[in-house]
N, C-alpha and C. Protein backbone atom coordinates (compact mmCIF):
# COMPACT_ATOMS: atom_id res chain seq x y z
N MET A 1 -30.98 -14.23 54.53
CA MET A 1 -29.64 -14.32 53.97
C MET A 1 -28.71 -13.41 54.77
N ALA A 2 -27.69 -13.97 55.37
CA ALA A 2 -26.74 -13.20 56.17
C ALA A 2 -25.48 -12.92 55.36
N GLY A 3 -24.73 -11.93 55.77
CA GLY A 3 -23.47 -11.61 55.11
C GLY A 3 -23.65 -10.58 54.01
N CYS A 4 -22.54 -10.32 53.33
CA CYS A 4 -22.54 -9.32 52.26
C CYS A 4 -23.28 -9.83 51.04
N ILE A 5 -23.83 -8.89 50.29
CA ILE A 5 -24.45 -9.20 49.01
C ILE A 5 -23.71 -8.40 47.95
N CYS A 6 -23.25 -9.10 46.89
CA CYS A 6 -22.50 -8.45 45.81
C CYS A 6 -23.29 -8.52 44.51
N PHE A 7 -23.17 -7.45 43.74
CA PHE A 7 -23.74 -7.40 42.40
C PHE A 7 -22.66 -6.96 41.44
N ASP A 8 -22.50 -7.69 40.35
CA ASP A 8 -21.64 -7.28 39.25
C ASP A 8 -22.54 -7.00 38.07
N GLU A 9 -22.28 -5.89 37.39
CA GLU A 9 -23.09 -5.52 36.24
C GLU A 9 -22.22 -5.02 35.11
N GLU A 10 -22.71 -5.21 33.90
CA GLU A 10 -22.11 -4.61 32.72
C GLU A 10 -23.25 -3.97 31.94
N LEU A 11 -23.16 -2.66 31.77
CA LEU A 11 -24.20 -1.93 31.06
C LEU A 11 -23.61 -1.35 29.78
N PRO A 12 -24.13 -1.74 28.62
CA PRO A 12 -23.66 -1.14 27.37
C PRO A 12 -24.23 0.26 27.22
N CYS A 13 -23.50 1.10 26.51
CA CYS A 13 -23.92 2.50 26.37
C CYS A 13 -23.40 3.04 25.04
N PRO A 14 -24.20 3.80 24.30
CA PRO A 14 -23.75 4.36 23.03
C PRO A 14 -22.86 5.60 23.17
N VAL A 15 -22.62 6.04 24.40
CA VAL A 15 -21.85 7.27 24.66
C VAL A 15 -20.39 6.92 24.95
N ALA A 16 -19.48 7.77 24.52
CA ALA A 16 -18.04 7.55 24.76
C ALA A 16 -17.76 7.45 26.26
N PRO A 17 -16.80 6.60 26.65
CA PRO A 17 -16.52 6.39 28.07
C PRO A 17 -16.18 7.66 28.84
N HIS A 18 -15.36 8.54 28.25
CA HIS A 18 -14.97 9.75 28.99
C HIS A 18 -16.15 10.68 29.25
N ARG A 19 -17.13 10.68 28.37
CA ARG A 19 -18.30 11.53 28.57
C ARG A 19 -19.17 11.01 29.71
N MET A 20 -19.39 9.70 29.77
CA MET A 20 -20.19 9.13 30.85
C MET A 20 -19.49 9.32 32.20
N PHE A 21 -18.19 9.07 32.23
CA PHE A 21 -17.41 9.24 33.47
C PHE A 21 -17.52 10.69 33.95
N HIS A 22 -17.34 11.64 33.03
CA HIS A 22 -17.39 13.05 33.40
C HIS A 22 -18.78 13.43 33.93
N ALA A 23 -19.81 12.98 33.23
CA ALA A 23 -21.18 13.33 33.63
C ALA A 23 -21.56 12.74 34.98
N LEU A 24 -21.19 11.48 35.20
CA LEU A 24 -21.62 10.79 36.42
C LEU A 24 -20.71 11.02 37.62
N PHE A 25 -19.42 11.34 37.37
CA PHE A 25 -18.50 11.41 38.51
C PHE A 25 -17.67 12.69 38.60
N GLU A 26 -17.48 13.40 37.52
CA GLU A 26 -16.70 14.64 37.58
C GLU A 26 -17.60 15.87 37.77
N ASP A 27 -18.75 15.86 37.12
CA ASP A 27 -19.60 17.05 37.12
C ASP A 27 -21.02 16.76 37.60
N ALA A 28 -21.21 15.65 38.29
CA ALA A 28 -22.55 15.26 38.74
C ALA A 28 -23.18 16.34 39.62
N HIS A 29 -22.35 17.03 40.41
CA HIS A 29 -22.88 18.05 41.32
C HIS A 29 -23.53 19.20 40.55
N ASN A 30 -23.12 19.45 39.33
CA ASN A 30 -23.75 20.47 38.49
C ASN A 30 -24.83 19.88 37.58
N LEU A 31 -24.52 18.73 36.98
CA LEU A 31 -25.39 18.16 35.96
C LEU A 31 -26.69 17.58 36.51
N MET A 32 -26.61 16.78 37.55
CA MET A 32 -27.80 16.07 38.04
C MET A 32 -28.96 16.99 38.41
N PRO A 33 -28.74 18.02 39.25
CA PRO A 33 -29.88 18.89 39.58
C PRO A 33 -30.42 19.64 38.36
N LYS A 34 -29.54 19.89 37.37
CA LYS A 34 -29.95 20.62 36.17
C LYS A 34 -30.85 19.77 35.27
N ILE A 35 -30.45 18.52 35.01
CA ILE A 35 -31.21 17.71 34.06
C ILE A 35 -32.26 16.82 34.72
N MET A 36 -32.17 16.65 36.06
CA MET A 36 -33.12 15.79 36.77
C MET A 36 -33.68 16.48 38.01
N PRO A 37 -34.22 17.70 37.89
CA PRO A 37 -34.72 18.39 39.08
C PRO A 37 -35.89 17.65 39.74
N HIS A 38 -36.57 16.80 38.97
CA HIS A 38 -37.67 15.98 39.52
C HIS A 38 -37.15 14.90 40.46
N ALA A 39 -35.85 14.59 40.38
CA ALA A 39 -35.29 13.51 41.20
C ALA A 39 -34.19 13.97 42.14
N VAL A 40 -33.34 14.90 41.68
CA VAL A 40 -32.18 15.34 42.46
C VAL A 40 -32.29 16.84 42.76
N LYS A 41 -32.38 17.15 44.05
CA LYS A 41 -32.48 18.54 44.48
C LYS A 41 -31.12 19.23 44.41
N SER A 42 -30.09 18.55 44.96
CA SER A 42 -28.73 19.12 44.94
C SER A 42 -27.71 18.03 45.21
N VAL A 43 -26.47 18.32 44.82
CA VAL A 43 -25.34 17.45 45.12
C VAL A 43 -24.27 18.37 45.70
N ASP A 44 -23.93 18.16 46.96
CA ASP A 44 -23.04 19.06 47.67
C ASP A 44 -21.85 18.32 48.26
N PHE A 45 -20.69 18.99 48.28
CA PHE A 45 -19.54 18.43 48.97
C PHE A 45 -19.64 18.77 50.45
N VAL A 46 -19.70 17.74 51.28
CA VAL A 46 -19.72 17.90 52.73
C VAL A 46 -18.31 18.19 53.21
N SER A 47 -17.34 17.50 52.60
CA SER A 47 -15.92 17.75 52.87
C SER A 47 -15.12 17.45 51.61
N GLY A 48 -14.03 18.16 51.45
CA GLY A 48 -13.18 17.98 50.27
C GLY A 48 -13.77 18.65 49.05
N GLU A 49 -13.05 18.49 47.93
CA GLU A 49 -13.45 19.13 46.68
C GLU A 49 -13.50 18.14 45.52
N GLY A 50 -13.62 16.86 45.83
CA GLY A 50 -13.73 15.87 44.77
C GLY A 50 -12.58 14.89 44.69
N GLY A 51 -11.56 15.09 45.51
CA GLY A 51 -10.45 14.14 45.54
C GLY A 51 -10.72 13.03 46.53
N PRO A 52 -9.81 12.03 46.58
CA PRO A 52 -9.99 10.93 47.54
C PRO A 52 -10.21 11.43 48.97
N GLY A 53 -11.15 10.83 49.64
CA GLY A 53 -11.52 11.24 51.00
C GLY A 53 -12.66 12.24 51.04
N SER A 54 -12.97 12.85 49.90
CA SER A 54 -14.08 13.81 49.85
C SER A 54 -15.39 13.09 50.13
N VAL A 55 -16.32 13.81 50.75
CA VAL A 55 -17.65 13.27 51.01
C VAL A 55 -18.66 14.16 50.30
N GLN A 56 -19.53 13.50 49.53
CA GLN A 56 -20.53 14.20 48.75
C GLN A 56 -21.91 13.74 49.21
N LYS A 57 -22.83 14.69 49.35
CA LYS A 57 -24.20 14.37 49.76
C LYS A 57 -25.14 14.68 48.60
N VAL A 58 -25.90 13.66 48.22
CA VAL A 58 -26.92 13.83 47.18
C VAL A 58 -28.25 13.98 47.89
N ASN A 59 -28.91 15.11 47.67
CA ASN A 59 -30.23 15.39 48.24
C ASN A 59 -31.28 15.16 47.16
N PHE A 60 -32.18 14.23 47.43
CA PHE A 60 -33.19 13.88 46.44
C PHE A 60 -34.43 14.76 46.59
N ALA A 61 -35.19 14.85 45.53
CA ALA A 61 -36.41 15.66 45.52
C ALA A 61 -37.40 15.15 46.55
N ASP A 62 -38.21 16.08 47.05
CA ASP A 62 -39.22 15.74 48.05
C ASP A 62 -40.22 14.73 47.49
N GLY A 63 -40.72 13.86 48.36
CA GLY A 63 -41.75 12.92 47.99
C GLY A 63 -41.24 11.55 47.59
N GLY A 64 -39.92 11.40 47.39
CA GLY A 64 -39.38 10.10 47.01
C GLY A 64 -39.10 9.23 48.23
N PRO A 65 -38.76 7.96 48.00
CA PRO A 65 -38.51 7.05 49.11
C PRO A 65 -37.19 7.32 49.84
N VAL A 66 -36.26 8.00 49.17
CA VAL A 66 -34.96 8.30 49.76
C VAL A 66 -34.76 9.81 49.76
N LYS A 67 -34.36 10.36 50.91
CA LYS A 67 -34.15 11.81 51.01
C LYS A 67 -32.72 12.20 50.68
N TYR A 68 -31.73 11.36 51.10
CA TYR A 68 -30.33 11.70 50.84
C TYR A 68 -29.45 10.46 50.87
N VAL A 69 -28.27 10.62 50.31
CA VAL A 69 -27.23 9.60 50.39
C VAL A 69 -25.89 10.33 50.46
N LYS A 70 -24.99 9.82 51.31
CA LYS A 70 -23.63 10.39 51.41
C LYS A 70 -22.63 9.37 50.87
N ASN A 71 -21.77 9.84 49.96
CA ASN A 71 -20.74 9.00 49.36
C ASN A 71 -19.36 9.53 49.72
N ARG A 72 -18.45 8.61 50.06
CA ARG A 72 -17.04 8.98 50.27
C ARG A 72 -16.24 8.47 49.09
N LEU A 73 -15.49 9.36 48.46
CA LEU A 73 -14.65 8.97 47.35
C LEU A 73 -13.41 8.26 47.88
N ASP A 74 -13.22 7.02 47.46
CA ASP A 74 -12.06 6.25 47.91
C ASP A 74 -10.89 6.43 46.94
N SER A 75 -11.14 6.36 45.65
CA SER A 75 -10.10 6.61 44.65
C SER A 75 -10.75 6.93 43.32
N LYS A 76 -10.01 7.71 42.52
CA LYS A 76 -10.51 8.07 41.20
C LYS A 76 -9.31 8.10 40.26
N ASN A 77 -9.43 7.41 39.14
CA ASN A 77 -8.38 7.41 38.14
C ASN A 77 -9.00 7.91 36.84
N LYS A 78 -8.78 9.19 36.55
CA LYS A 78 -9.37 9.80 35.35
C LYS A 78 -8.81 9.19 34.07
N ASP A 79 -7.54 8.79 34.09
CA ASP A 79 -6.93 8.21 32.90
C ASP A 79 -7.55 6.87 32.53
N ASN A 80 -7.84 6.04 33.53
CA ASN A 80 -8.43 4.73 33.29
C ASN A 80 -9.95 4.75 33.43
N LEU A 81 -10.51 5.92 33.72
CA LEU A 81 -11.96 6.08 33.88
C LEU A 81 -12.53 5.10 34.90
N GLU A 82 -11.85 5.05 36.06
CA GLU A 82 -12.26 4.17 37.16
C GLU A 82 -12.52 5.01 38.41
N ILE A 83 -13.48 4.56 39.19
CA ILE A 83 -13.75 5.22 40.46
C ILE A 83 -14.17 4.16 41.49
N LYS A 84 -13.75 4.39 42.72
CA LYS A 84 -14.19 3.57 43.83
C LYS A 84 -14.74 4.52 44.88
N TYR A 85 -15.95 4.23 45.34
CA TYR A 85 -16.55 5.08 46.36
C TYR A 85 -17.40 4.22 47.29
N THR A 86 -17.66 4.77 48.46
CA THR A 86 -18.42 4.06 49.48
C THR A 86 -19.62 4.89 49.89
N VAL A 87 -20.79 4.27 49.84
CA VAL A 87 -22.00 4.91 50.37
C VAL A 87 -21.91 4.73 51.89
N ILE A 88 -21.67 5.84 52.59
CA ILE A 88 -21.43 5.76 54.03
C ILE A 88 -22.67 6.06 54.86
N GLU A 89 -23.67 6.67 54.22
CA GLU A 89 -24.88 7.02 54.95
C GLU A 89 -26.02 7.21 53.96
N CYS A 90 -27.20 6.72 54.35
CA CYS A 90 -28.39 6.89 53.52
C CYS A 90 -29.59 6.73 54.43
N ASP A 91 -30.57 7.61 54.30
CA ASP A 91 -31.74 7.52 55.18
C ASP A 91 -32.56 6.26 54.92
N ALA A 92 -32.33 5.58 53.80
CA ALA A 92 -33.06 4.34 53.52
C ALA A 92 -32.39 3.11 54.14
N PHE A 93 -31.18 3.25 54.69
CA PHE A 93 -30.46 2.11 55.27
C PHE A 93 -31.19 1.52 56.47
N GLY A 94 -31.79 2.38 57.27
CA GLY A 94 -32.42 1.91 58.50
C GLY A 94 -31.39 1.23 59.38
N ASP A 95 -31.76 0.11 59.94
CA ASP A 95 -30.85 -0.60 60.83
C ASP A 95 -30.25 -1.83 60.17
N LYS A 96 -30.24 -1.86 58.82
CA LYS A 96 -29.78 -3.05 58.13
C LYS A 96 -28.42 -2.91 57.46
N VAL A 97 -28.16 -1.81 56.77
CA VAL A 97 -26.94 -1.67 55.97
C VAL A 97 -25.95 -0.75 56.67
N ASP A 98 -24.73 -1.23 56.81
CA ASP A 98 -23.67 -0.42 57.40
C ASP A 98 -23.09 0.52 56.33
N TYR A 99 -22.70 -0.06 55.18
CA TYR A 99 -22.17 0.74 54.07
C TYR A 99 -22.18 -0.10 52.80
N ILE A 100 -21.98 0.57 51.65
CA ILE A 100 -21.94 -0.10 50.35
C ILE A 100 -20.68 0.35 49.63
N THR A 101 -19.86 -0.58 49.19
CA THR A 101 -18.69 -0.23 48.38
C THR A 101 -19.05 -0.40 46.91
N ASN A 102 -18.54 0.53 46.10
CA ASN A 102 -18.81 0.51 44.66
C ASN A 102 -17.52 0.71 43.89
N GLU A 103 -17.35 -0.08 42.86
CA GLU A 103 -16.24 0.07 41.92
C GLU A 103 -16.85 0.18 40.54
N VAL A 104 -16.50 1.26 39.81
CA VAL A 104 -17.08 1.49 38.50
C VAL A 104 -15.95 1.80 37.51
N LYS A 105 -16.04 1.20 36.32
CA LYS A 105 -15.06 1.46 35.27
C LYS A 105 -15.80 1.56 33.94
N PHE A 106 -15.40 2.55 33.15
CA PHE A 106 -15.95 2.72 31.81
C PHE A 106 -14.89 2.31 30.80
N GLU A 107 -15.24 1.35 29.94
CA GLU A 107 -14.31 0.86 28.93
C GLU A 107 -14.91 1.10 27.55
N ALA A 108 -14.03 1.40 26.58
CA ALA A 108 -14.48 1.58 25.20
C ALA A 108 -15.08 0.28 24.70
N ALA A 109 -16.18 0.39 23.97
CA ALA A 109 -16.84 -0.78 23.41
C ALA A 109 -16.44 -0.90 21.94
N PRO A 110 -16.34 -2.13 21.44
CA PRO A 110 -16.07 -2.30 20.02
C PRO A 110 -17.18 -1.64 19.20
N GLY A 111 -16.80 -0.86 18.24
CA GLY A 111 -17.80 -0.18 17.42
C GLY A 111 -18.29 1.14 17.98
N GLY A 112 -17.74 1.59 19.10
CA GLY A 112 -18.13 2.87 19.67
C GLY A 112 -18.90 2.73 20.97
N GLY A 113 -19.04 3.83 21.65
CA GLY A 113 -19.73 3.81 22.93
C GLY A 113 -18.85 3.21 24.01
N CYS A 114 -19.48 2.69 25.05
CA CYS A 114 -18.71 2.13 26.16
C CYS A 114 -19.49 1.02 26.85
N ILE A 115 -18.78 0.36 27.73
CA ILE A 115 -19.37 -0.62 28.63
C ILE A 115 -19.04 -0.16 30.05
N CYS A 116 -20.07 0.01 30.84
CA CYS A 116 -19.88 0.39 32.24
C CYS A 116 -19.87 -0.90 33.05
N LYS A 117 -18.73 -1.17 33.68
CA LYS A 117 -18.60 -2.36 34.52
C LYS A 117 -18.62 -1.89 35.97
N SER A 118 -19.51 -2.46 36.75
CA SER A 118 -19.61 -2.04 38.15
C SER A 118 -19.75 -3.24 39.07
N LYS A 119 -19.24 -3.04 40.27
CA LYS A 119 -19.38 -4.04 41.33
C LYS A 119 -19.81 -3.30 42.59
N SER A 120 -20.88 -3.75 43.19
CA SER A 120 -21.38 -3.17 44.43
C SER A 120 -21.45 -4.26 45.48
N THR A 121 -20.97 -3.92 46.68
CA THR A 121 -21.00 -4.86 47.79
C THR A 121 -21.71 -4.21 48.96
N TYR A 122 -22.80 -4.84 49.37
CA TYR A 122 -23.61 -4.34 50.49
C TYR A 122 -23.14 -5.02 51.76
N HIS A 123 -22.75 -4.23 52.75
CA HIS A 123 -22.25 -4.73 54.03
C HIS A 123 -23.31 -4.50 55.11
N PRO A 124 -23.88 -5.57 55.66
CA PRO A 124 -24.93 -5.41 56.67
C PRO A 124 -24.37 -4.99 58.03
N LYS A 125 -25.22 -4.35 58.81
CA LYS A 125 -24.86 -4.08 60.21
C LYS A 125 -24.88 -5.40 60.97
N ALA A 126 -24.19 -5.42 62.09
CA ALA A 126 -24.10 -6.65 62.89
C ALA A 126 -25.49 -7.20 63.20
N GLY A 127 -25.70 -8.46 62.88
CA GLY A 127 -26.95 -9.13 63.18
C GLY A 127 -28.08 -8.87 62.19
N ALA A 128 -27.86 -7.99 61.23
CA ALA A 128 -28.92 -7.67 60.26
C ALA A 128 -28.93 -8.67 59.12
N VAL A 129 -30.10 -8.87 58.57
CA VAL A 129 -30.27 -9.73 57.40
C VAL A 129 -30.74 -8.84 56.25
N LEU A 130 -30.00 -8.87 55.15
CA LEU A 130 -30.34 -8.04 54.00
C LEU A 130 -31.36 -8.74 53.11
N ASN A 131 -32.30 -7.96 52.61
CA ASN A 131 -33.33 -8.45 51.71
C ASN A 131 -32.85 -8.18 50.28
N GLU A 132 -32.53 -9.23 49.56
CA GLU A 132 -31.98 -9.09 48.22
C GLU A 132 -32.95 -8.39 47.26
N GLU A 133 -34.24 -8.59 47.44
CA GLU A 133 -35.23 -7.96 46.57
C GLU A 133 -35.25 -6.44 46.77
N GLU A 134 -35.15 -5.98 48.02
CA GLU A 134 -35.10 -4.54 48.30
C GLU A 134 -33.85 -3.93 47.67
N ILE A 135 -32.73 -4.64 47.77
CA ILE A 135 -31.48 -4.14 47.20
C ILE A 135 -31.59 -4.07 45.69
N LYS A 136 -32.22 -5.06 45.07
CA LYS A 136 -32.39 -5.04 43.61
C LYS A 136 -33.23 -3.84 43.19
N ALA A 137 -34.23 -3.48 43.97
CA ALA A 137 -35.06 -2.32 43.66
C ALA A 137 -34.22 -1.04 43.69
N GLY A 138 -33.33 -0.94 44.66
CA GLY A 138 -32.43 0.21 44.73
C GLY A 138 -31.48 0.26 43.55
N LYS A 139 -30.98 -0.89 43.14
CA LYS A 139 -30.09 -0.96 41.98
C LYS A 139 -30.83 -0.53 40.72
N GLU A 140 -32.09 -0.93 40.58
CA GLU A 140 -32.87 -0.53 39.42
C GLU A 140 -33.05 0.99 39.37
N SER A 141 -33.20 1.60 40.53
CA SER A 141 -33.32 3.05 40.60
C SER A 141 -32.02 3.71 40.13
N SER A 142 -30.88 3.16 40.54
CA SER A 142 -29.58 3.68 40.10
C SER A 142 -29.42 3.53 38.59
N GLN A 143 -29.88 2.40 38.05
CA GLN A 143 -29.81 2.19 36.61
C GLN A 143 -30.67 3.21 35.87
N GLY A 144 -31.78 3.60 36.49
CA GLY A 144 -32.64 4.62 35.88
C GLY A 144 -31.92 5.96 35.75
N VAL A 145 -31.15 6.33 36.78
CA VAL A 145 -30.35 7.56 36.73
C VAL A 145 -29.32 7.44 35.61
N TYR A 146 -28.64 6.30 35.55
CA TYR A 146 -27.63 6.05 34.53
C TYR A 146 -28.24 6.22 33.13
N LYS A 147 -29.39 5.61 32.90
CA LYS A 147 -30.05 5.70 31.59
C LYS A 147 -30.51 7.13 31.28
N PHE A 148 -30.95 7.85 32.29
CA PHE A 148 -31.37 9.24 32.10
C PHE A 148 -30.18 10.07 31.63
N VAL A 149 -29.02 9.90 32.29
CA VAL A 149 -27.81 10.63 31.90
C VAL A 149 -27.37 10.20 30.51
N GLU A 150 -27.39 8.91 30.24
CA GLU A 150 -27.02 8.40 28.91
C GLU A 150 -27.88 9.06 27.84
N ASN A 151 -29.20 9.08 28.04
CA ASN A 151 -30.10 9.69 27.06
C ASN A 151 -29.82 11.17 26.87
N TYR A 152 -29.55 11.87 27.96
CA TYR A 152 -29.22 13.30 27.88
C TYR A 152 -27.97 13.51 27.03
N LEU A 153 -26.95 12.68 27.24
CA LEU A 153 -25.71 12.83 26.48
C LEU A 153 -25.88 12.46 25.01
N VAL A 154 -26.73 11.48 24.72
CA VAL A 154 -27.01 11.13 23.33
C VAL A 154 -27.71 12.29 22.64
N GLU A 155 -28.66 12.91 23.33
CA GLU A 155 -29.41 14.03 22.76
C GLU A 155 -28.59 15.32 22.69
N ASN A 156 -27.49 15.39 23.46
CA ASN A 156 -26.64 16.59 23.51
C ASN A 156 -25.18 16.18 23.27
N PRO A 157 -24.83 15.82 22.03
CA PRO A 157 -23.50 15.28 21.75
C PRO A 157 -22.35 16.24 22.01
N HIS A 158 -22.63 17.52 22.13
CA HIS A 158 -21.57 18.50 22.42
C HIS A 158 -21.19 18.55 23.91
N VAL A 159 -22.05 18.03 24.79
CA VAL A 159 -21.80 18.10 26.23
C VAL A 159 -20.69 17.11 26.61
N TYR A 160 -19.64 17.61 27.22
CA TYR A 160 -18.46 16.82 27.66
C TYR A 160 -17.75 16.14 26.49
N ALA A 161 -17.86 16.73 25.29
CA ALA A 161 -17.21 16.15 24.10
C ALA A 161 -15.70 16.33 24.17
């Protein structure tokens, strides 16, 4: 399969939208290594301080299939709980993926909680063919992080309240 591969997802969540947004995108550099030391070693700003153009590097725990990923923040709207960022580098990309664009929005759900709407577009390097099954495995790993944070916030209702 040649060309870009896109995934659209909607994940329901019992946590308020502003809490999920804050945990995953405002304070991830502090929260992730604290609650998931088995998976995330550190989250560091390579450049910037969290505004558009900033680059953040996530260093994963030793022994996993991925050692690091670098994300560039393209835009963030705290009022609308939207973020756009690009995965610009990852040791798992090899010679296949050039970059991945992501758009994420948290919307209030009827009856409480939120719905996380996301769109990811995988852009292959010239001449590369992307394996959709490998990409789905990576997406499942990301969903695992999302669920871990969701569970932490459910168990700790005072955090980011």
